[in-house]
Amino acid sequence: TLVGNGVIKVRIIDQDATDVWNKAGIMIRESLAPGSKNVFIALTSGNGASFQSRTLTDGATLNAATGANIKAPYWVKIDIAGSTYTASVSQDGLVWTQVGNPVNANFGNGFPVYAGLAVTSHDNTVLSAAHFDNYSLGGVLPLKLISFTGHLNLDNSVALQWITTLETNTKYFVVERTTNF
């Protein structure tokens, strides 16, 4: 979760081509419920970059696209200011080009949002894959992380330890793992 203003950016190294509209990028949602308000800056395998937004729960998704000339590897970024989200793309992570117009998505603005990386195949019968690096999140988290460590044990298990303070509305932590390296 993220609270307040911030910037999220990542480089999409590659993605498969399950559909010309399959997507890999950054999604920010008001909730995890289907039909939630959201914004999504993504690369597609056949239609360039796409900035999508749903500003009403269960409403229509609007799309601003760049055209097919942008392909991975490429950077994507979302700037958050209140409830306004601005999406940009970059070939080098230094010089950014805005995609579409900033969107007042009617969520955020001091309330926690869910933010992360997303991949979709655009076809419910097919899985899609993408690879990311250089993920950066700048903003206000609903806690202060004092320390975080991880150790690989001799039995190939991983031991994680963290210490937080100043937690606001934090009920639990979710630890995710992957077998894909």
Protein backbone atom coordinates (compact mmCIF):
# COMPACT_ATOMS: atom_id res chain seq x y z
CA THR A 1 0.00 0.00 0.00
CA LEU A 2 0.98 3.60 -0.53
CA VAL A 3 -0.43 6.69 1.18
CA GLY A 4 -0.07 10.21 -0.17
CA ASN A 5 1.89 11.59 -3.05
CA GLY A 6 4.65 9.58 -4.67
CA VAL A 7 6.33 8.21 -7.77
CA ILE A 8 6.52 4.60 -8.90
CA LYS A 9 8.76 3.60 -11.78
CA VAL A 10 10.15 0.39 -13.24
CA ARG A 11 11.91 -0.87 -16.35
CA ILE A 12 10.15 -3.62 -18.28
CA ILE A 13 12.96 -5.77 -19.66
CA ASP A 14 10.84 -8.02 -21.87
CA GLN A 15 7.40 -9.53 -22.27
CA ASP A 16 5.93 -12.35 -24.29
CA ALA A 17 3.47 -11.80 -27.13
CA THR A 18 0.33 -13.70 -26.11
CA ASP A 19 -1.82 -10.95 -27.67
CA VAL A 20 -1.12 -7.54 -29.23
CA TRP A 21 -2.85 -6.08 -26.12
CA ASN A 22 -1.11 -8.14 -23.42
CA LYS A 23 0.26 -5.73 -20.82
CA ALA A 24 3.09 -5.40 -18.30
CA GLY A 25 3.47 -2.36 -16.06
CA ILE A 26 2.39 -0.50 -12.92
CA MET A 27 -1.16 -0.70 -11.59
CA ILE A 28 -2.60 1.37 -8.74
CA ARG A 29 -6.02 0.39 -7.36
CA GLU A 30 -8.45 1.80 -4.84
CA SER A 31 -9.16 -1.75 -3.60
CA LEU A 32 -8.47 -5.35 -4.58
CA ALA A 33 -12.11 -5.94 -5.50
CA PRO A 34 -13.02 -6.67 -9.15
CA GLY A 35 -14.23 -3.49 -10.83
CA SER A 36 -12.18 -1.28 -8.50
CA LYS A 37 -11.15 2.21 -9.57
CA ASN A 38 -7.60 1.99 -10.98
CA VAL A 39 -4.90 3.40 -13.19
CA PHE A 40 -2.45 1.28 -15.20
CA ILE A 41 0.59 2.35 -17.24
CA ALA A 42 1.80 -0.59 -19.29
CA LEU A 43 3.69 -1.72 -22.32
CA THR A 44 1.87 -3.98 -24.74
CA SER A 45 3.56 -6.42 -27.09
CA GLY A 46 1.91 -4.93 -30.19
CA ASN A 47 0.38 -1.51 -29.42
CA GLY A 48 3.09 0.45 -27.61
CA ALA A 49 2.46 2.02 -24.21
CA SER A 50 -1.04 2.28 -22.77
CA PHE A 51 -2.33 4.45 -19.91
CA GLN A 52 -5.64 3.04 -18.73
CA SER A 53 -7.95 4.42 -16.05
CA ARG A 54 -11.23 3.45 -14.41
CA THR A 55 -12.51 6.41 -12.36
CA LEU A 56 -15.86 4.87 -11.32
CA THR A 57 -16.26 1.55 -9.52
CA ASP A 58 -17.42 -1.01 -12.11
CA GLY A 59 -17.22 1.76 -14.73
CA ALA A 60 -15.69 1.81 -18.18
CA THR A 61 -11.92 1.72 -18.66
CA LEU A 62 -10.48 4.60 -20.69
CA ASN A 63 -7.28 4.16 -22.68
CA ALA A 64 -4.60 6.50 -24.04
CA ALA A 65 -2.05 4.71 -26.22
CA THR A 66 1.22 5.79 -27.84
CA GLY A 67 1.21 3.65 -30.97
CA ALA A 68 3.14 0.49 -31.72
CA ASN A 69 6.63 2.04 -31.84
CA ILE A 70 7.37 1.57 -28.10
CA LYS A 71 8.49 -1.92 -27.04
CA ALA A 72 10.43 -3.48 -24.16
CA PRO A 73 12.97 -2.80 -22.85
CA TYR A 74 11.35 0.46 -21.76
CA TRP A 75 10.59 2.34 -18.53
CA VAL A 76 7.14 3.25 -17.19
CA LYS A 77 6.27 5.65 -14.38
CA ILE A 78 3.23 6.95 -12.48
CA ASP A 79 3.34 10.22 -10.54
CA ILE A 80 0.71 10.52 -7.80
CA ALA A 81 -0.48 13.94 -6.58
CA GLY A 82 -3.61 13.67 -4.43
CA SER A 83 -6.09 11.77 -6.59
CA THR A 84 -4.39 12.79 -9.85
CA TYR A 85 -2.23 10.22 -11.65
CA THR A 86 0.18 11.09 -14.46
CA ALA A 87 1.76 8.34 -16.58
CA SER A 88 5.02 8.56 -18.50
CA VAL A 89 7.40 6.35 -20.48
CA SER A 90 11.14 6.54 -21.08
CA GLN A 91 13.70 4.76 -23.19
CA ASP A 92 16.53 5.45 -20.70
CA GLY A 93 14.86 6.18 -17.33
CA LEU A 94 16.06 9.80 -17.49
CA VAL A 95 14.02 11.60 -20.15
CA TRP A 96 10.27 10.98 -19.75
CA THR A 97 7.35 11.42 -22.18
CA GLN A 98 3.83 11.77 -20.76
CA VAL A 99 1.22 9.29 -22.02
CA GLY A 100 -2.24 10.84 -22.36
CA ASN A 101 -3.46 13.48 -19.92
CA PRO A 102 -3.25 13.35 -16.12
CA VAL A 103 -6.30 11.57 -14.68
CA ASN A 104 -8.27 12.46 -11.55
CA ALA A 105 -9.13 8.87 -10.68
CA ASN A 106 -11.31 9.75 -7.65
CA PHE A 107 -9.25 7.70 -5.18
CA GLY A 108 -6.07 8.12 -3.16
CA ASN A 109 -5.75 11.70 -1.91
CA GLY A 110 -4.39 10.71 1.50
CA PHE A 111 -6.11 7.31 1.69
CA PRO A 112 -4.09 4.09 1.16
CA VAL A 113 -3.99 2.67 -2.35
CA TYR A 114 -2.73 -0.68 -3.61
CA ALA A 115 0.25 -0.27 -5.93
CA GLY A 116 2.36 -2.85 -7.70
CA LEU A 117 3.50 -4.51 -10.87
CA ALA A 118 0.90 -6.17 -13.09
CA VAL A 119 0.96 -8.53 -16.07
CA THR A 120 -2.07 -9.54 -18.13
CA SER A 121 -2.28 -11.75 -21.22
CA HIS A 122 -5.52 -10.12 -22.49
CA ASP A 123 -6.81 -13.69 -22.93
CA ASN A 124 -8.21 -15.61 -19.93
CA THR A 125 -7.12 -18.94 -21.45
CA VAL A 126 -3.40 -18.04 -21.75
CA LEU A 127 -0.75 -17.08 -19.20
CA SER A 128 1.60 -14.21 -19.96
CA ALA A 129 5.07 -13.40 -18.64
CA ALA A 130 7.22 -10.29 -18.35
CA HIS A 131 10.46 -9.37 -16.58
CA PHE A 132 11.06 -6.15 -14.63
CA ASP A 133 14.03 -4.48 -12.97
CA ASN A 134 14.97 -1.14 -11.37
CA TYR A 135 11.68 -0.90 -9.44
CA SER A 136 11.48 2.30 -7.42
CA LEU A 137 8.74 3.45 -5.04
CA GLY A 138 8.92 6.93 -3.61
CA GLY A 139 6.14 8.04 -1.32
CA VAL A 140 4.68 7.67 2.11
CA LEU A 141 4.15 4.13 3.39
CA PRO A 142 1.61 3.59 6.21
CA LEU A 143 4.52 2.62 8.50
CA LYS A 144 8.20 3.26 9.05
CA LEU A 145 10.48 0.37 8.13
CA ILE A 146 13.35 0.26 10.63
CA SER A 147 15.10 -2.82 9.24
CA PHE A 148 14.58 -5.70 6.84
CA THR A 149 16.91 -8.69 6.44
CA GLY A 150 16.74 -11.97 4.61
CA HIS A 151 19.03 -14.99 4.93
CA LEU A 152 19.27 -18.17 2.87
CA ASN A 153 19.54 -21.13 5.25
CA LEU A 154 21.51 -24.31 4.55
CA ASP A 155 18.25 -26.20 3.91
CA ASN A 156 17.41 -23.69 1.11
CA SER A 157 14.71 -22.00 3.19
CA VAL A 158 14.71 -18.23 3.59
CA ALA A 159 14.45 -16.48 6.94
CA LEU A 160 13.00 -12.96 6.81
CA GLN A 161 13.02 -10.50 9.69
CA TRP A 162 11.75 -6.92 9.80
CA ILE A 163 11.07 -4.22 12.33
CA THR A 164 8.51 -1.46 11.81
CA THR A 165 7.13 1.44 13.80
CA LEU A 166 4.56 4.20 13.30
CA GLU A 167 2.13 1.72 11.76
CA THR A 168 -1.16 3.25 10.64
CA ASN A 169 -4.11 0.92 10.00
CA THR A 170 -1.78 -2.05 9.46
CA LYS A 171 -3.40 -5.37 10.35
CA TYR A 172 -0.86 -7.79 8.87
CA PHE A 173 1.96 -8.21 6.36
CA VAL A 174 1.77 -10.34 3.23
CA VAL A 175 4.96 -12.12 2.20
CA GLU A 176 5.00 -13.34 -1.38
CA ARG A 177 7.47 -15.63 -3.08
CA THR A 178 8.17 -16.95 -6.54
CA THR A 179 9.89 -19.99 -7.93
CA ASN A 180 10.81 -18.07 -11.10
CA PHE A 181 14.23 -16.44 -11.00
